[in-house]
Amino acid sequence: MREASVILESAITCPHCGFQAVETMPTNACQYFYECKGCGTLLRPKPGDCCVFCSFGSIPCPPIQAEGGKGGCCPPARGAAG
């Protein structure tokens, strides 16, 4: 059985203005912040999500894809409020 390949591009949609941009996701880290190219709002992951791609992207981040959509993908950032 062949494993599905990981998709590296995801369309982030801003929940404030609706602007959408296709971005390449990092494979070695979670992206905790993203500045909307439409309105400048700084997006952060929703509670329970590991990154902005899991919260606002059309495709979840590579570690979540690799795990089949189960569980968290990255350890919490140092000093991050939980």
C-alpha atoms as a PDB file:
ATOM      1  CA  MET A   1       0.000   0.000   0.000  1.00  0.00           C
ATOM      2  CA  ARG A   2       1.418   3.406  -0.990  1.00  0.00           C
ATOM      3  CA  GLU A   3       1.282   6.356   1.408  1.00  0.00           C
ATOM      4  CA  ALA A   4      -0.345   9.541   0.181  1.00  0.00           C
ATOM      5  CA  SER A   5       2.116  12.369  -0.399  1.00  0.00           C
ATOM      6  CA  VAL A   6       2.028  15.427   1.813  1.00  0.00           C
ATOM      7  CA  ILE A   7       0.661  18.612   0.232  1.00  0.00           C
ATOM      8  CA  LEU A   8       2.814  21.653   0.971  1.00  0.00           C
ATOM      9  CA  GLU A   9       0.555  24.462  -0.272  1.00  0.00           C
ATOM     10  CA  SER A  10      -2.546  25.647   1.528  1.00  0.00           C
ATOM     11  CA  ALA A  11      -4.913  28.552   0.874  1.00  0.00           C
ATOM     12  CA  ILE A  12      -5.255  30.627   4.050  1.00  0.00           C
ATOM     13  CA  THR A  13      -8.529  32.532   4.323  1.00  0.00           C
ATOM     14  CA  CYS A  14      -8.668  35.499   6.686  1.00  0.00           C
ATOM     15  CA  PRO A  15     -11.710  35.255   8.978  1.00  0.00           C
ATOM     16  CA  HIS A  16     -11.810  39.062   9.266  1.00  0.00           C
ATOM     17  CA  CYS A  17     -11.816  40.213   5.626  1.00  0.00           C
ATOM     18  CA  GLY A  18     -12.133  36.981   3.614  1.00  0.00           C
ATOM     19  CA  PHE A  19      -8.879  37.555   1.699  1.00  0.00           C
ATOM     20  CA  GLN A  20      -7.321  34.311   0.516  1.00  0.00           C
ATOM     21  CA  ALA A  21      -3.662  33.613  -0.266  1.00  0.00           C
ATOM     22  CA  VAL A  22      -1.938  30.372  -1.231  1.00  0.00           C
ATOM     23  CA  GLU A  23       1.144  29.833   0.936  1.00  0.00           C
ATOM     24  CA  THR A  24       3.805  27.123   1.202  1.00  0.00           C
ATOM     25  CA  MET A  25       3.758  25.461   4.607  1.00  0.00           C
ATOM     26  CA  PRO A  26       6.969  24.816   6.534  1.00  0.00           C
ATOM     27  CA  THR A  27       7.796  21.145   6.975  1.00  0.00           C
ATOM     28  CA  ASN A  28      10.072  21.526   9.994  1.00  0.00           C
ATOM     29  CA  ALA A  29       8.021  23.818  12.262  1.00  0.00           C
ATOM     30  CA  CYS A  30       4.528  25.033  13.008  1.00  0.00           C
ATOM     31  CA  GLN A  31       3.609  28.531  11.893  1.00  0.00           C
ATOM     32  CA  TYR A  32       1.964  30.230  14.865  1.00  0.00           C
ATOM     33  CA  PHE A  33       1.422  33.633  13.258  1.00  0.00           C
ATOM     34  CA  TYR A  34       0.365  34.838   9.822  1.00  0.00           C
ATOM     35  CA  GLU A  35      -0.256  38.420   8.722  1.00  0.00           C
ATOM     36  CA  CYS A  36      -3.195  38.711   6.327  1.00  0.00           C
ATOM     37  CA  LYS A  37      -2.092  40.223   3.028  1.00  0.00           C
ATOM     38  CA  GLY A  38      -5.532  41.786   2.621  1.00  0.00           C
ATOM     39  CA  CYS A  39      -6.196  43.616   5.888  1.00  0.00           C
ATOM     40  CA  GLY A  40      -3.000  43.139   7.912  1.00  0.00           C
ATOM     41  CA  THR A  41      -4.668  41.246  10.767  1.00  0.00           C
ATOM     42  CA  LEU A  42      -2.255  38.973  12.630  1.00  0.00           C
ATOM     43  CA  LEU A  43      -3.809  35.515  12.665  1.00  0.00           C
ATOM     44  CA  ARG A  44      -3.064  33.011  15.430  1.00  0.00           C
ATOM     45  CA  PRO A  45      -4.160  29.373  15.682  1.00  0.00           C
ATOM     46  CA  LYS A  46      -7.591  28.667  17.145  1.00  0.00           C
ATOM     47  CA  PRO A  47      -7.595  26.920  20.546  1.00  0.00           C
ATOM     48  CA  GLY A  48      -6.727  23.260  20.031  1.00  0.00           C
ATOM     49  CA  ASP A  49      -5.006  23.814  16.678  1.00  0.00           C
ATOM     50  CA  CYS A  50      -1.237  23.671  16.336  1.00  0.00           C
ATOM     51  CA  CYS A  51      -0.794  26.298  13.626  1.00  0.00           C
ATOM     52  CA  VAL A  52      -2.506  28.871  11.404  1.00  0.00           C
ATOM     53  CA  PHE A  53      -2.741  26.373   8.523  1.00  0.00           C
ATOM     54  CA  CYS A  54      -4.788  23.980  10.663  1.00  0.00           C
ATOM     55  CA  SER A  55      -7.073  26.852  11.722  1.00  0.00           C
ATOM     56  CA  PHE A  56      -7.474  28.873   8.513  1.00  0.00           C
ATOM     57  CA  GLY A  57      -5.937  26.845   5.687  1.00  0.00           C
ATOM     58  CA  SER A  58      -7.575  24.710   3.037  1.00  0.00           C
ATOM     59  CA  ILE A  59      -5.071  21.935   3.836  1.00  0.00           C
ATOM     60  CA  PRO A  60      -3.790  21.132   7.349  1.00  0.00           C
ATOM     61  CA  CYS A  61      -0.060  21.318   8.086  1.00  0.00           C
ATOM     62  CA  PRO A  62       2.299  18.538   6.905  1.00  0.00           C
ATOM     63  CA  PRO A  63       2.664  16.802  10.317  1.00  0.00           C
ATOM     64  CA  ILE A  64      -1.136  16.584  10.704  1.00  0.00           C
ATOM     65  CA  GLN A  65      -1.454  15.254   7.143  1.00  0.00           C
ATOM     66  CA  ALA A  66       1.201  12.618   7.883  1.00  0.00           C
ATOM     67  CA  GLU A  67      -0.689  11.513  11.006  1.00  0.00           C
ATOM     68  CA  GLY A  68      -3.978  11.239   9.117  1.00  0.00           C
ATOM     69  CA  GLY A  69      -5.524  14.248  10.865  1.00  0.00           C
ATOM     70  CA  LYS A  70      -5.134  12.801  14.362  1.00  0.00           C
ATOM     71  CA  GLY A  71      -3.472  14.417  17.337  1.00  0.00           C
ATOM     72  CA  GLY A  72      -1.300  17.482  17.699  1.00  0.00           C
ATOM     73  CA  CYS A  73       1.646  18.047  15.437  1.00  0.00           C
ATOM     74  CA  CYS A  74       4.149  20.134  17.330  1.00  0.00           C
ATOM     75  CA  PRO A  75       5.232  20.579  20.928  1.00  0.00           C
ATOM     76  CA  PRO A  76       4.007  23.799  22.551  1.00  0.00           C
ATOM     77  CA  ALA A  77       6.202  26.823  21.992  1.00  0.00           C
ATOM     78  CA  ARG A  78       8.372  27.827  24.918  1.00  0.00           C
ATOM     79  CA  GLY A  79       6.715  30.458  27.011  1.00  0.00           C
ATOM     80  CA  ALA A  80       3.393  30.022  25.214  1.00  0.00           C
ATOM     81  CA  ALA A  81       0.326  30.494  27.343  1.00  0.00           C
ATOM     82  CA  GLY A  82      -1.737  27.351  27.408  1.00  0.00           C
END
